[in-house]
Amino acid sequence: YRTTIPEDYPVNRILAGITITITDNDLEDNGNVTSAYVSQNSYNNTFGIVVTYEDGSVTAEIILHKPLDREEVPQYTFEITAVDGGSPPRNSTATVVVVVTDVNDNNPIFTSLDYAFQI
């Protein structure tokens, strides 16, 4: 999974363009996804997930928890882990890449090509 967002993306907002669908083809409890979470120490909890369980389907959406600064971290790579209800529980991971684009680093410009002054 990969998405690109600007560094001024609003905090506490779900990232547009990336929804992760989680399924398990096993029967009974082995086929029930019981939890999904972002890998530990993923950039000091900059990202989290919102998990929705509905009609046997599980979806996860990425949410931004902290402000971004492209000069500090231009790209984030982390994993989402899903766990089923089996005994023993089985898990699977998906890799997420978030590329941060720059929005606030314009060079100063002169409004005129020529300036005249006297000393």
PDB file of N, CA and C in Angstrom:
ATOM      1  N   TYR A   1       0.851  -1.173   0.000  1.00  0.00           N
ATOM      2  CA  TYR A   1       0.000   0.000   0.000  1.00  0.00           C
ATOM      3  C   TYR A   1       0.892   1.230   0.000  1.00  0.00           C
ATOM      4  N   ARG A   2       0.535   2.222  -0.815  1.00  0.00           N
ATOM      5  CA  ARG A   2       1.360   3.417  -0.945  1.00  0.00           C
ATOM      6  C   ARG A   2       0.448   4.620  -1.192  1.00  0.00           C
ATOM      7  N   THR A   3       0.794   5.730  -0.545  1.00  0.00           N
ATOM      8  CA  THR A   3       0.062   6.966  -0.778  1.00  0.00           C
ATOM      9  C   THR A   3       1.012   8.144  -0.617  1.00  0.00           C
ATOM     10  N   THR A   4       0.606   9.281  -1.143  1.00  0.00           N
ATOM     11  CA  THR A   4       1.385  10.515  -1.042  1.00  0.00           C
ATOM     12  C   THR A   4       0.494  11.588  -0.422  1.00  0.00           C
ATOM     13  N   ILE A   5       1.046  12.297   0.582  1.00  0.00           N
ATOM     14  CA  ILE A   5       0.296  13.371   1.230  1.00  0.00           C
ATOM     15  C   ILE A   5       1.206  14.580   1.407  1.00  0.00           C
ATOM     16  N   PRO A   6       0.634  15.783   1.449  1.00  0.00           N
ATOM     17  CA  PRO A   6       1.453  16.980   1.695  1.00  0.00           C
ATOM     18  C   PRO A   6       1.831  17.077   3.172  1.00  0.00           C
ATOM     19  N   GLU A   7       2.930  17.752   3.452  1.00  0.00           N
ATOM     20  CA  GLU A   7       3.392  17.843   4.840  1.00  0.00           C
ATOM     21  C   GLU A   7       2.457  18.650   5.732  1.00  0.00           C
ATOM     22  N   ASP A   8       1.539  19.407   5.154  1.00  0.00           N
ATOM     23  CA  ASP A   8       0.571  20.147   5.974  1.00  0.00           C
ATOM     24  C   ASP A   8      -0.765  19.408   6.105  1.00  0.00           C
ATOM     25  N   TYR A   9      -0.748  18.098   5.892  1.00  0.00           N
ATOM     26  CA  TYR A   9      -1.969  17.291   6.014  1.00  0.00           C
ATOM     27  C   TYR A   9      -2.514  17.433   7.439  1.00  0.00           C
ATOM     28  N   PRO A  10      -3.824  17.597   7.581  1.00  0.00           N
ATOM     29  CA  PRO A  10      -4.406  17.825   8.912  1.00  0.00           C
ATOM     30  C   PRO A  10      -4.216  16.635   9.870  1.00  0.00           C
ATOM     31  N   VAL A  11      -3.833  16.931  11.082  1.00  0.00           N
ATOM     32  CA  VAL A  11      -3.683  15.920  12.135  1.00  0.00           C
ATOM     33  C   VAL A  11      -5.074  15.389  12.510  1.00  0.00           C
ATOM     34  N   ASN A  12      -5.116  14.130  12.910  1.00  0.00           N
ATOM     35  CA  ASN A  12      -6.348  13.433  13.301  1.00  0.00           C
ATOM     36  C   ASN A  12      -7.320  13.255  12.142  1.00  0.00           C
ATOM     37  N   ARG A  13      -6.774  13.156  10.948  1.00  0.00           N
ATOM     38  CA  ARG A  13      -7.586  12.933   9.756  1.00  0.00           C
ATOM     39  C   ARG A  13      -7.124  11.648   9.074  1.00  0.00           C
ATOM     40  N   ILE A  14      -8.084  10.911   8.532  1.00  0.00           N
ATOM     41  CA  ILE A  14      -7.777   9.668   7.824  1.00  0.00           C
ATOM     42  C   ILE A  14      -7.129  10.010   6.491  1.00  0.00           C
ATOM     43  N   LEU A  15      -6.084   9.266   6.137  1.00  0.00           N
ATOM     44  CA  LEU A  15      -5.385   9.498   4.881  1.00  0.00           C
ATOM     45  C   LEU A  15      -6.273   9.096   3.712  1.00  0.00           C
ATOM     46  N   ALA A  16      -6.461  10.008   2.795  1.00  0.00           N
ATOM     47  CA  ALA A  16      -7.280   9.746   1.613  1.00  0.00           C
ATOM     48  C   ALA A  16      -6.549   8.781   0.688  1.00  0.00           C
ATOM     49  N   GLY A  17      -7.313   7.960   0.016  1.00  0.00           N
ATOM     50  CA  GLY A  17      -6.752   7.112  -1.019  1.00  0.00           C
ATOM     51  C   GLY A  17      -6.132   5.807  -0.559  1.00  0.00           C
ATOM     52  N   ILE A  18      -6.292   5.459   0.708  1.00  0.00           N
ATOM     53  CA  ILE A  18      -5.714   4.187   1.165  1.00  0.00           C
ATOM     54  C   ILE A  18      -6.651   3.533   2.185  1.00  0.00           C
ATOM     55  N   THR A  19      -7.310   2.472   1.744  1.00  0.00           N
ATOM     56  CA  THR A  19      -8.154   1.658   2.614  1.00  0.00           C
ATOM     57  C   THR A  19      -7.687   0.222   2.476  1.00  0.00           C
ATOM     58  N   ILE A  20      -7.429  -0.424   3.588  1.00  0.00           N
ATOM     59  CA  ILE A  20      -6.901  -1.781   3.600  1.00  0.00           C
ATOM     60  C   ILE A  20      -8.026  -2.735   3.988  1.00  0.00           C
ATOM     61  N   THR A  21      -8.309  -3.693   3.126  1.00  0.00           N
ATOM     62  CA  THR A  21      -9.315  -4.707   3.406  1.00  0.00           C
ATOM     63  C   THR A  21      -8.612  -5.956   3.916  1.00  0.00           C
ATOM     64  N   ILE A  22      -9.093  -6.486   5.037  1.00  0.00           N
ATOM     65  CA  ILE A  22      -8.470  -7.641   5.664  1.00  0.00           C
ATOM     66  C   ILE A  22      -9.466  -8.800   5.642  1.00  0.00           C
ATOM     67  N   THR A  23      -9.036  -9.930   5.107  1.00  0.00           N
ATOM     68  CA  THR A  23      -9.892 -11.115   5.062  1.00  0.00           C
ATOM     69  C   THR A  23      -9.113 -12.322   5.560  1.00  0.00           C
ATOM     70  N   ASP A  24      -9.845 -13.351   5.972  1.00  0.00           N
ATOM     71  CA  ASP A  24      -9.250 -14.625   6.370  1.00  0.00           C
ATOM     72  C   ASP A  24     -10.197 -15.709   5.881  1.00  0.00           C
ATOM     73  N   ASN A  25      -9.722 -16.593   5.029  1.00  0.00           N
ATOM     74  CA  ASN A  25     -10.576 -17.608   4.401  1.00  0.00           C
ATOM     75  C   ASN A  25     -10.803 -18.852   5.248  1.00  0.00           C
ATOM     76  N   ASP A  26     -10.259 -18.890   6.467  1.00  0.00           N
ATOM     77  CA  ASP A  26     -10.497 -20.039   7.344  1.00  0.00           C
ATOM     78  C   ASP A  26     -11.955 -20.068   7.801  1.00  0.00           C
ATOM     79  N   LEU A  27     -12.353 -21.193   8.386  1.00  0.00           N
ATOM     80  CA  LEU A  27     -13.709 -21.347   8.903  1.00  0.00           C
ATOM     81  C   LEU A  27     -13.769 -20.999  10.388  1.00  0.00           C
ATOM     82  N   GLU A  28     -14.944 -20.664  10.853  1.00  0.00           N
ATOM     83  CA  GLU A  28     -15.244 -20.378  12.257  1.00  0.00           C
ATOM     84  C   GLU A  28     -14.288 -19.336  12.836  1.00  0.00           C
ATOM     85  N   ASP A  29     -13.846 -19.528  14.107  1.00  0.00           N
ATOM     86  CA  ASP A  29     -13.007 -18.519  14.757  1.00  0.00           C
ATOM     87  C   ASP A  29     -11.694 -18.285  14.025  1.00  0.00           C
ATOM     88  N   ASN A  30     -11.173 -19.311  13.383  1.00  0.00           N
ATOM     89  CA  ASN A  30      -9.916 -19.151  12.649  1.00  0.00           C
ATOM     90  C   ASN A  30     -10.056 -18.135  11.514  1.00  0.00           C
ATOM     91  N   GLY A  31     -11.266 -17.918  11.047  1.00  0.00           N
ATOM     92  CA  GLY A  31     -11.506 -16.978   9.960  1.00  0.00           C
ATOM     93  C   GLY A  31     -11.915 -15.601  10.415  1.00  0.00           C
ATOM     94  N   ASN A  32     -12.019 -15.389  11.721  1.00  0.00           N
ATOM     95  CA  ASN A  32     -12.414 -14.070  12.241  1.00  0.00           C
ATOM     96  C   ASN A  32     -11.175 -13.242  12.559  1.00  0.00           C
ATOM     97  N   VAL A  33     -11.059 -12.105  11.908  1.00  0.00           N
ATOM     98  CA  VAL A  33      -9.965 -11.190  12.227  1.00  0.00           C
ATOM     99  C   VAL A  33     -10.351 -10.490  13.517  1.00  0.00           C
ATOM    100  N   THR A  34      -9.544 -10.678  14.561  1.00  0.00           N
ATOM    101  CA  THR A  34      -9.899 -10.151  15.881  1.00  0.00           C
ATOM    102  C   THR A  34      -9.223  -8.827  16.211  1.00  0.00           C
ATOM    103  N   SER A  35      -8.099  -8.534  15.548  1.00  0.00           N
ATOM    104  CA  SER A  35      -7.440  -7.255  15.812  1.00  0.00           C
ATOM    105  C   SER A  35      -6.530  -6.885  14.653  1.00  0.00           C
ATOM    106  N   ALA A  36      -6.255  -5.601  14.564  1.00  0.00           N
ATOM    107  CA  ALA A  36      -5.305  -5.070  13.583  1.00  0.00           C
ATOM    108  C   ALA A  36      -4.652  -3.860  14.233  1.00  0.00           C
ATOM    109  N   TYR A  37      -3.351  -3.697  14.008  1.00  0.00           N
ATOM    110  CA  TYR A  37      -2.638  -2.603  14.658  1.00  0.00           C
ATOM    111  C   TYR A  37      -1.424  -2.204  13.837  1.00  0.00           C
ATOM    112  N   VAL A  38      -0.937  -0.974  14.074  1.00  0.00           N
ATOM    113  CA  VAL A  38       0.272  -0.472  13.439  1.00  0.00           C
ATOM    114  C   VAL A  38       1.465  -1.016  14.193  1.00  0.00           C
ATOM    115  N   SER A  39       2.510  -1.389  13.459  1.00  0.00           N
ATOM    116  CA  SER A  39       3.711  -1.939  14.078  1.00  0.00           C
ATOM    117  C   SER A  39       4.261  -0.995  15.142  1.00  0.00           C
ATOM    118  N   GLN A  40       4.852  -1.572  16.172  1.00  0.00           N
ATOM    119  CA  GLN A  40       5.396  -0.776  17.273  1.00  0.00           C
ATOM    120  C   GLN A  40       6.506   0.142  16.784  1.00  0.00           C
ATOM    121  N   ASN A  41       6.662   1.253  17.487  1.00  0.00           N
ATOM    122  CA  ASN A  41       7.720   2.216  17.227  1.00  0.00           C
ATOM    123  C   ASN A  41       7.700   2.736  15.801  1.00  0.00           C
ATOM    124  N   SER A  42       6.508   2.863  15.221  1.00  0.00           N
ATOM    125  CA  SER A  42       6.416   3.392  13.868  1.00  0.00           C
ATOM    126  C   SER A  42       6.457   4.913  13.922  1.00  0.00           C
ATOM    127  N   TYR A  43       7.669   5.436  13.954  1.00  0.00           N
ATOM    128  CA  TYR A  43       7.894   6.877  13.917  1.00  0.00           C
ATOM    129  C   TYR A  43       7.191   7.590  15.062  1.00  0.00           C
ATOM    130  N   ASN A  44       7.371   7.044  16.268  1.00  0.00           N
ATOM    131  CA  ASN A  44       6.863   7.684  17.472  1.00  0.00           C
ATOM    132  C   ASN A  44       5.348   7.893  17.413  1.00  0.00           C
ATOM    133  N   ASN A  45       4.653   6.888  16.903  1.00  0.00           N
ATOM    134  CA  ASN A  45       3.183   6.904  16.816  1.00  0.00           C
ATOM    135  C   ASN A  45       2.642   8.034  15.957  1.00  0.00           C
ATOM    136  N   THR A  46       3.342   8.370  14.900  1.00  0.00           N
ATOM    137  CA  THR A  46       2.863   9.393  13.972  1.00  0.00           C
ATOM    138  C   THR A  46       1.571   8.951  13.296  1.00  0.00           C
ATOM    139  N   PHE A  47       1.455   7.654  13.038  1.00  0.00           N
ATOM    140  CA  PHE A  47       0.268   7.109  12.374  1.00  0.00           C
ATOM    141  C   PHE A  47      -0.419   6.083  13.254  1.00  0.00           C
ATOM    142  N   GLY A  48      -1.712   5.935  13.056  1.00  0.00           N
ATOM    143  CA  GLY A  48      -2.492   4.893  13.705  1.00  0.00           C
ATOM    144  C   GLY A  48      -3.469   4.350  12.685  1.00  0.00           C
ATOM    145  N   ILE A  49      -4.348   3.464  13.115  1.00  0.00           N
ATOM    146  CA  ILE A  49      -5.371   2.964  12.202  1.00  0.00           C
ATOM    147  C   ILE A  49      -6.733   3.002  12.870  1.00  0.00           C
ATOM    148  N   VAL A  50      -7.731   3.141  12.022  1.00  0.00           N
ATOM    149  CA  VAL A  50      -9.122   3.034  12.437  1.00  0.00           C
ATOM    150  C   VAL A  50      -9.640   1.756  11.795  1.00  0.00           C
ATOM    151  N   VAL A  51     -10.049   0.798  12.629  1.00  0.00           N
ATOM    152  CA  VAL A  51     -10.491  -0.505  12.138  1.00  0.00           C
ATOM    153  C   VAL A  51     -12.006  -0.577  12.216  1.00  0.00           C
ATOM    154  N   THR A  52     -12.627  -1.056  11.141  1.00  0.00           N
ATOM    155  CA  THR A  52     -14.077  -1.207  11.082  1.00  0.00           C
ATOM    156  C   THR A  52     -14.413  -2.669  10.825  1.00  0.00           C
ATOM    157  N   TYR A  53     -15.234  -3.246  11.702  1.00  0.00           N
ATOM    158  CA  TYR A  53     -15.709  -4.621  11.559  1.00  0.00           C
ATOM    159  C   TYR A  53     -17.174  -4.541  11.150  1.00  0.00           C
ATOM    160  N   GLU A  54     -17.496  -5.039   9.953  1.00  0.00           N
ATOM    161  CA  GLU A  54     -18.873  -4.938   9.489  1.00  0.00           C
ATOM    162  C   GLU A  54     -19.206  -6.106   8.576  1.00  0.00           C
ATOM    163  N   ASP A  55     -20.244  -6.868   8.923  1.00  0.00           N
ATOM    164  CA  ASP A  55     -20.731  -7.985   8.109  1.00  0.00           C
ATOM    165  C   ASP A  55     -19.627  -8.957   7.725  1.00  0.00           C
ATOM    166  N   GLY A  56     -18.760  -9.304   8.666  1.00  0.00           N
ATOM    167  CA  GLY A  56     -17.691 -10.245   8.404  1.00  0.00           C
ATOM    168  C   GLY A  56     -16.517  -9.668   7.638  1.00  0.00           C
ATOM    169  N   SER A  57     -16.586  -8.397   7.321  1.00  0.00           N
ATOM    170  CA  SER A  57     -15.506  -7.731   6.600  1.00  0.00           C
ATOM    171  C   SER A  57     -14.762  -6.801   7.549  1.00  0.00           C
ATOM    172  N   VAL A  58     -13.465  -6.708   7.359  1.00  0.00           N
ATOM    173  CA  VAL A  58     -12.651  -5.834   8.203  1.00  0.00           C
ATOM    174  C   VAL A  58     -11.883  -4.880   7.295  1.00  0.00           C
ATOM    175  N   THR A  59     -11.991  -3.597   7.594  1.00  0.00           N
ATOM    176  CA  THR A  59     -11.208  -2.603   6.859  1.00  0.00           C
ATOM    177  C   THR A  59     -10.406  -1.773   7.848  1.00  0.00           C
ATOM    178  N   ALA A  60      -9.257  -1.325   7.392  1.00  0.00           N
ATOM    179  CA  ALA A  60      -8.398  -0.471   8.205  1.00  0.00           C
ATOM    180  C   ALA A  60      -8.050   0.757   7.395  1.00  0.00           C
ATOM    181  N   GLU A  61      -8.148   1.918   8.039  1.00  0.00           N
ATOM    182  CA  GLU A  61      -7.771   3.179   7.413  1.00  0.00           C
ATOM    183  C   GLU A  61      -6.678   3.821   8.263  1.00  0.00           C
ATOM    184  N   ILE A  62      -5.733   4.454   7.606  1.00  0.00           N
ATOM    185  CA  ILE A  62      -4.605   5.079   8.295  1.00  0.00           C
ATOM    186  C   ILE A  62      -5.017   6.472   8.752  1.00  0.00           C
ATOM    187  N   ILE A  63      -4.649   6.832   9.973  1.00  0.00           N
ATOM    188  CA  ILE A  63      -4.943   8.172  10.498  1.00  0.00           C
ATOM    189  C   ILE A  63      -3.623   8.824  10.929  1.00  0.00           C
ATOM    190  N   LEU A  64      -3.514  10.115  10.650  1.00  0.00           N
ATOM    191  CA  LEU A  64      -2.321  10.870  11.032  1.00  0.00           C
ATOM    192  C   LEU A  64      -2.516  11.418  12.441  1.00  0.00           C
ATOM    193  N   HIS A  65      -1.586  11.088  13.349  1.00  0.00           N
ATOM    194  CA  HIS A  65      -1.684  11.536  14.738  1.00  0.00           C
ATOM    195  C   HIS A  65      -0.807  12.741  15.062  1.00  0.00           C
ATOM    196  N   LYS A  66       0.238  12.976  14.260  1.00  0.00           N
ATOM    197  CA  LYS A  66       1.179  14.052  14.567  1.00  0.00           C
ATOM    198  C   LYS A  66       1.520  14.833  13.306  1.00  0.00           C
ATOM    199  N   PRO A  67       1.892  16.110  13.454  1.00  0.00           N
ATOM    200  CA  PRO A  67       2.256  16.916  12.278  1.00  0.00           C
ATOM    201  C   PRO A  67       3.473  16.322  11.555  1.00  0.00           C
ATOM    202  N   LEU A  68       3.517  16.562  10.250  1.00  0.00           N
ATOM    203  CA  LEU A  68       4.609  16.067   9.417  1.00  0.00           C
ATOM    204  C   LEU A  68       5.574  17.196   9.073  1.00  0.00           C
ATOM    205  N   ASP A  69       6.823  16.835   8.832  1.00  0.00           N
ATOM    206  CA  ASP A  69       7.828  17.780   8.335  1.00  0.00           C
ATOM    207  C   ASP A  69       8.684  17.020   7.323  1.00  0.00           C
ATOM    208  N   ARG A  70       8.495  17.304   6.056  1.00  0.00           N
ATOM    209  CA  ARG A  70       9.177  16.579   5.003  1.00  0.00           C
ATOM    210  C   ARG A  70      10.693  16.671   5.110  1.00  0.00           C
ATOM    211  N   GLU A  71      11.203  17.787   5.639  1.00  0.00           N
ATOM    212  CA  GLU A  71      12.654  17.921   5.789  1.00  0.00           C
ATOM    213  C   GLU A  71      13.206  16.949   6.836  1.00  0.00           C
ATOM    214  N   GLU A  72      12.410  16.593   7.812  1.00  0.00           N
ATOM    215  CA  GLU A  72      12.840  15.633   8.832  1.00  0.00           C
ATOM    216  C   GLU A  72      12.646  14.187   8.369  1.00  0.00           C
ATOM    217  N   VAL A  73      11.457  13.887   7.832  1.00  0.00           N
ATOM    218  CA  VAL A  73      11.156  12.531   7.359  1.00  0.00           C
ATOM    219  C   VAL A  73      10.367  12.647   6.049  1.00  0.00           C
ATOM    220  N   PRO A  74      11.025  12.383   4.905  1.00  0.00           N
ATOM    221  CA  PRO A  74      10.345  12.513   3.615  1.00  0.00           C
ATOM    222  C   PRO A  74       9.476  11.309   3.252  1.00  0.00           C
ATOM    223  N   GLN A  75       9.686  10.178   3.924  1.00  0.00           N
ATOM    224  CA  GLN A  75       8.899   8.980   3.625  1.00  0.00           C
ATOM    225  C   GLN A  75       8.807   8.103   4.869  1.00  0.00           C
ATOM    226  N   TYR A  76       7.622   7.585   5.118  1.00  0.00           N
ATOM    227  CA  TYR A  76       7.383   6.685   6.239  1.00  0.00           C
ATOM    228  C   TYR A  76       7.058   5.295   5.690  1.00  0.00           C
ATOM    229  N   THR A  77       7.654   4.286   6.270  1.00  0.00           N
ATOM    230  CA  THR A  77       7.340   2.903   5.925  1.00  0.00           C
ATOM    231  C   THR A  77       7.063   2.164   7.235  1.00  0.00           C
ATOM    232  N   PHE A  78       5.894   1.543   7.322  1.00  0.00           N
ATOM    233  CA  PHE A  78       5.531   0.806   8.533  1.00  0.00           C
ATOM    234  C   PHE A  78       4.632  -0.359   8.156  1.00  0.00           C
ATOM    235  N   GLU A  79       4.377  -1.213   9.117  1.00  0.00           N
ATOM    236  CA  GLU A  79       3.551  -2.390   8.881  1.00  0.00           C
ATOM    237  C   GLU A  79       2.268  -2.330   9.691  1.00  0.00           C
ATOM    238  N   ILE A  80       1.232  -2.912   9.110  1.00  0.00           N
ATOM    239  CA  ILE A  80      -0.022  -3.144   9.816  1.00  0.00           C
ATOM    240  C   ILE A  80      -0.131  -4.654   9.986  1.00  0.00           C
ATOM    241  N   THR A  81      -0.424  -5.095  11.199  1.00  0.00           N
ATOM    242  CA  THR A  81      -0.550  -6.513  11.489  1.00  0.00           C
ATOM    243  C   THR A  81      -2.006  -6.832  11.817  1.00  0.00           C
ATOM    244  N   ALA A  82      -2.526  -7.905  11.230  1.00  0.00           N
ATOM    245  CA  ALA A  82      -3.878  -8.393  11.524  1.00  0.00           C
ATOM    246  C   ALA A  82      -3.744  -9.768  12.165  1.00  0.00           C
ATOM    247  N   VAL A  83      -4.592 -10.040  13.168  1.00  0.00           N
ATOM    248  CA  VAL A  83      -4.544 -11.299  13.913  1.00  0.00           C
ATOM    249  C   VAL A  83      -5.918 -11.962  13.844  1.00  0.00           C
ATOM    250  N   ASP A  84      -5.930 -13.296  13.633  1.00  0.00           N
ATOM    251  CA  ASP A  84      -7.215 -13.993  13.587  1.00  0.00           C
ATOM    252  C   ASP A  84      -7.555 -14.610  14.943  1.00  0.00           C
ATOM    253  N   GLY A  85      -8.738 -15.207  15.032  1.00  0.00           N
ATOM    254  CA  GLY A  85      -9.219 -15.767  16.293  1.00  0.00           C
ATOM    255  C   GLY A  85      -8.887 -17.230  16.479  1.00  0.00           C
ATOM    256  N   GLY A  86      -7.955 -17.760  15.723  1.00  0.00           N
ATOM    257  CA  GLY A  86      -7.604 -19.176  15.818  1.00  0.00           C
ATOM    258  C   GLY A  86      -6.854 -19.518  17.090  1.00  0.00           C
ATOM    259  N   SER A  87      -6.652 -20.807  17.279  1.00  0.00           N
ATOM    260  CA  SER A  87      -5.897 -21.268  18.430  1.00  0.00           C
ATOM    261  C   SER A  87      -4.839 -22.237  17.918  1.00  0.00           C
ATOM    262  N   PRO A  88      -3.611 -21.831  17.843  1.00  0.00           N
ATOM    263  CA  PRO A  88      -3.081 -20.508  18.205  1.00  0.00           C
ATOM    264  C   PRO A  88      -3.456 -19.466  17.144  1.00  0.00           C
ATOM    265  N   PRO A  89      -3.479 -18.208  17.552  1.00  0.00           N
ATOM    266  CA  PRO A  89      -3.796 -17.142  16.599  1.00  0.00           C
ATOM    267  C   PRO A  89      -2.719 -17.032  15.519  1.00  0.00           C
ATOM    268  N   ARG A  90      -3.146 -16.718  14.310  1.00  0.00           N
ATOM    269  CA  ARG A  90      -2.225 -16.503  13.201  1.00  0.00           C
ATOM    270  C   ARG A  90      -2.296 -15.029  12.833  1.00  0.00           C
ATOM    271  N   ASN A  91      -1.200 -14.532  12.258  1.00  0.00           N
ATOM    272  CA  ASN A  91      -1.216 -13.116  11.868  1.00  0.00           C
ATOM    273  C   ASN A  91      -0.621 -12.935  10.487  1.00  0.00           C
ATOM    274  N   SER A  92      -0.859 -11.767   9.944  1.00  0.00           N
ATOM    275  CA  SER A  92      -0.341 -11.394   8.640  1.00  0.00           C
ATOM    276  C   SER A  92      -0.031  -9.904   8.674  1.00  0.00           C
ATOM    277  N   THR A  93       0.925  -9.480   7.856  1.00  0.00           N
ATOM    278  CA  THR A  93       1.281  -8.062   7.847  1.00  0.00           C
ATOM    279  C   THR A  93       1.176  -7.493   6.439  1.00  0.00           C
ATOM    280  N   ALA A  94       0.938  -6.207   6.376  1.00  0.00           N
ATOM    281  CA  ALA A  94       0.941  -5.452   5.124  1.00  0.00           C
ATOM    282  C   ALA A  94       1.847  -4.248   5.326  1.00  0.00           C
ATOM    283  N   THR A  95       2.638  -3.948   4.334  1.00  0.00           N
ATOM    284  CA  THR A  95       3.536  -2.796   4.407  1.00  0.00           C
ATOM    285  C   THR A  95       2.846  -1.572   3.823  1.00  0.00           C
ATOM    286  N   VAL A  96       2.978  -0.452   4.526  1.00  0.00           N
ATOM    287  CA  VAL A  96       2.397   0.821   4.099  1.00  0.00           C
ATOM    288  C   VAL A  96       3.534   1.816   3.913  1.00  0.00           C
ATOM    289  N   VAL A  97       3.520   2.515   2.786  1.00  0.00           N
ATOM    290  CA  VAL A  97       4.501   3.567   2.511  1.00  0.00           C
ATOM    291  C   VAL A  97       3.734   4.877   2.334  1.00  0.00           C
ATOM    292  N   VAL A  98       4.124   5.882   3.112  1.00  0.00           N
ATOM    293  CA  VAL A  98       3.526   7.219   3.004  1.00  0.00           C
ATOM    294  C   VAL A  98       4.638   8.180   2.589  1.00  0.00           C
ATOM    295  N   VAL A  99       4.498   8.744   1.399  1.00  0.00           N
ATOM    296  CA  VAL A  99       5.462   9.714   0.881  1.00  0.00           C
ATOM    297  C   VAL A  99       4.935  11.108   1.213  1.00  0.00           C
ATOM    298  N   VAL A 100       5.800  11.945   1.783  1.00  0.00           N
ATOM    299  CA  VAL A 100       5.409  13.292   2.197  1.00  0.00           C
ATOM    300  C   VAL A 100       5.948  14.303   1.185  1.00  0.00           C
ATOM    301  N   THR A 101       5.069  15.136   0.646  1.00  0.00           N
ATOM    302  CA  THR A 101       5.500  16.160  -0.307  1.00  0.00           C
ATOM    303  C   THR A 101       5.678  17.494   0.394  1.00  0.00           C
ATOM    304  N   ASP A 102       6.536  18.300  -0.169  1.00  0.00           N
ATOM    305  CA  ASP A 102       6.894  19.593   0.407  1.00  0.00           C
ATOM    306  C   ASP A 102       5.873  20.647  -0.005  1.00  0.00           C
ATOM    307  N   VAL A 103       5.498  21.514   0.918  1.00  0.00           N
ATOM    308  CA  VAL A 103       4.526  22.561   0.580  1.00  0.00           C
ATOM    309  C   VAL A 103       4.927  23.952   1.040  1.00  0.00           C
ATOM    310  N   ASN A 104       5.991  24.093   1.820  1.00  0.00           N
ATOM    311  CA  ASN A 104       6.231  25.414   2.397  1.00  0.00           C
ATOM    312  C   ASN A 104       7.689  25.867   2.328  1.00  0.00           C
ATOM    313  N   ASP A 105       8.380  25.541   1.250  1.00  0.00           N
ATOM    314  CA  ASP A 105       9.786  25.915   1.165  1.00  0.00           C
ATOM    315  C   ASP A 105      10.086  26.718  -0.098  1.00  0.00           C
ATOM    316  N   ASN A 106       9.355  27.779  -0.300  1.00  0.00           N
ATOM    317  CA  ASN A 106       9.600  28.622  -1.466  1.00  0.00           C
ATOM    318  C   ASN A 106      10.754  29.575  -1.195  1.00  0.00           C
ATOM    319  N   ASN A 107      11.574  29.787  -2.223  1.00  0.00           N
ATOM    320  CA  ASN A 107      12.652  30.759  -2.119  1.00  0.00           C
ATOM    321  C   ASN A 107      12.088  32.172  -2.182  1.00  0.00           C
ATOM    322  N   PRO A 108      12.751  33.133  -1.544  1.00  0.00           N
ATOM    323  CA  PRO A 108      12.279  34.517  -1.678  1.00  0.00           C
ATOM    324  C   PRO A 108      12.488  34.980  -3.123  1.00  0.00           C
ATOM    325  N   ILE A 109      11.608  35.848  -3.576  1.00  0.00           N
ATOM    326  CA  ILE A 109      11.743  36.387  -4.930  1.00  0.00           C
ATOM    327  C   ILE A 109      11.641  37.903  -4.877  1.00  0.00           C
ATOM    328  N   PHE A 110      12.307  38.564  -5.829  1.00  0.00           N
ATOM    329  CA  PHE A 110      12.205  40.012  -5.966  1.00  0.00           C
ATOM    330  C   PHE A 110      11.030  40.326  -6.860  1.00  0.00           C
ATOM    331  N   THR A 111      10.289  41.367  -6.529  1.00  0.00           N
ATOM    332  CA  THR A 111       9.112  41.720  -7.314  1.00  0.00           C
ATOM    333  C   THR A 111       9.463  42.531  -8.551  1.00  0.00           C
ATOM    334  N   SER A 112      10.665  43.040  -8.612  1.00  0.00           N
ATOM    335  CA  SER A 112      11.104  43.808  -9.767  1.00  0.00           C
ATOM    336  C   SER A 112      12.493  43.324 -10.174  1.00  0.00           C
ATOM    337  N   LEU A 113      12.822  43.473 -11.457  1.00  0.00           N
ATOM    338  CA  LEU A 113      14.141  43.065 -11.923  1.00  0.00           C
ATOM    339  C   LEU A 113      15.189  44.129 -11.641  1.00  0.00           C
ATOM    340  N   ASP A 114      14.784  45.406 -11.617  1.00  0.00           N
ATOM    341  CA  ASP A 114      15.728  46.512 -11.415  1.00  0.00           C
ATOM    342  C   ASP A 114      15.303  47.349 -10.220  1.00  0.00           C
ATOM    343  N   TYR A 115      16.315  47.760  -9.443  1.00  0.00           N
ATOM    344  CA  TYR A 115      16.094  48.651  -8.306  1.00  0.00           C
ATOM    345  C   TYR A 115      17.121  49.778  -8.416  1.00  0.00           C
ATOM    346  N   ALA A 116      16.670  51.029  -8.276  1.00  0.00           N
ATOM    347  CA  ALA A 116      17.585  52.193  -8.362  1.00  0.00           C
ATOM    348  C   ALA A 116      17.550  52.930  -7.042  1.00  0.00           C
ATOM    349  N   PHE A 117      18.719  53.424  -6.612  1.00  0.00           N
ATOM    350  CA  PHE A 117      18.793  54.208  -5.395  1.00  0.00           C
ATOM    351  C   PHE A 117      20.010  55.118  -5.491  1.00  0.00           C
ATOM    352  N   GLN A 118      20.060  56.151  -4.674  1.00  0.00           N
ATOM    353  CA  GLN A 118      21.183  57.105  -4.663  1.00  0.00           C
ATOM    354  C   GLN A 118      21.789  57.137  -3.276  1.00  0.00           C
ATOM    355  N   ILE A 119      23.089  57.372  -3.267  1.00  0.00           N
ATOM    356  CA  ILE A 119      23.804  57.481  -1.999  1.00  0.00           C
ATOM    357  C   ILE A 119      24.338  58.888  -1.880  1.00  0.00           C
TER     358      ILE A 119
END
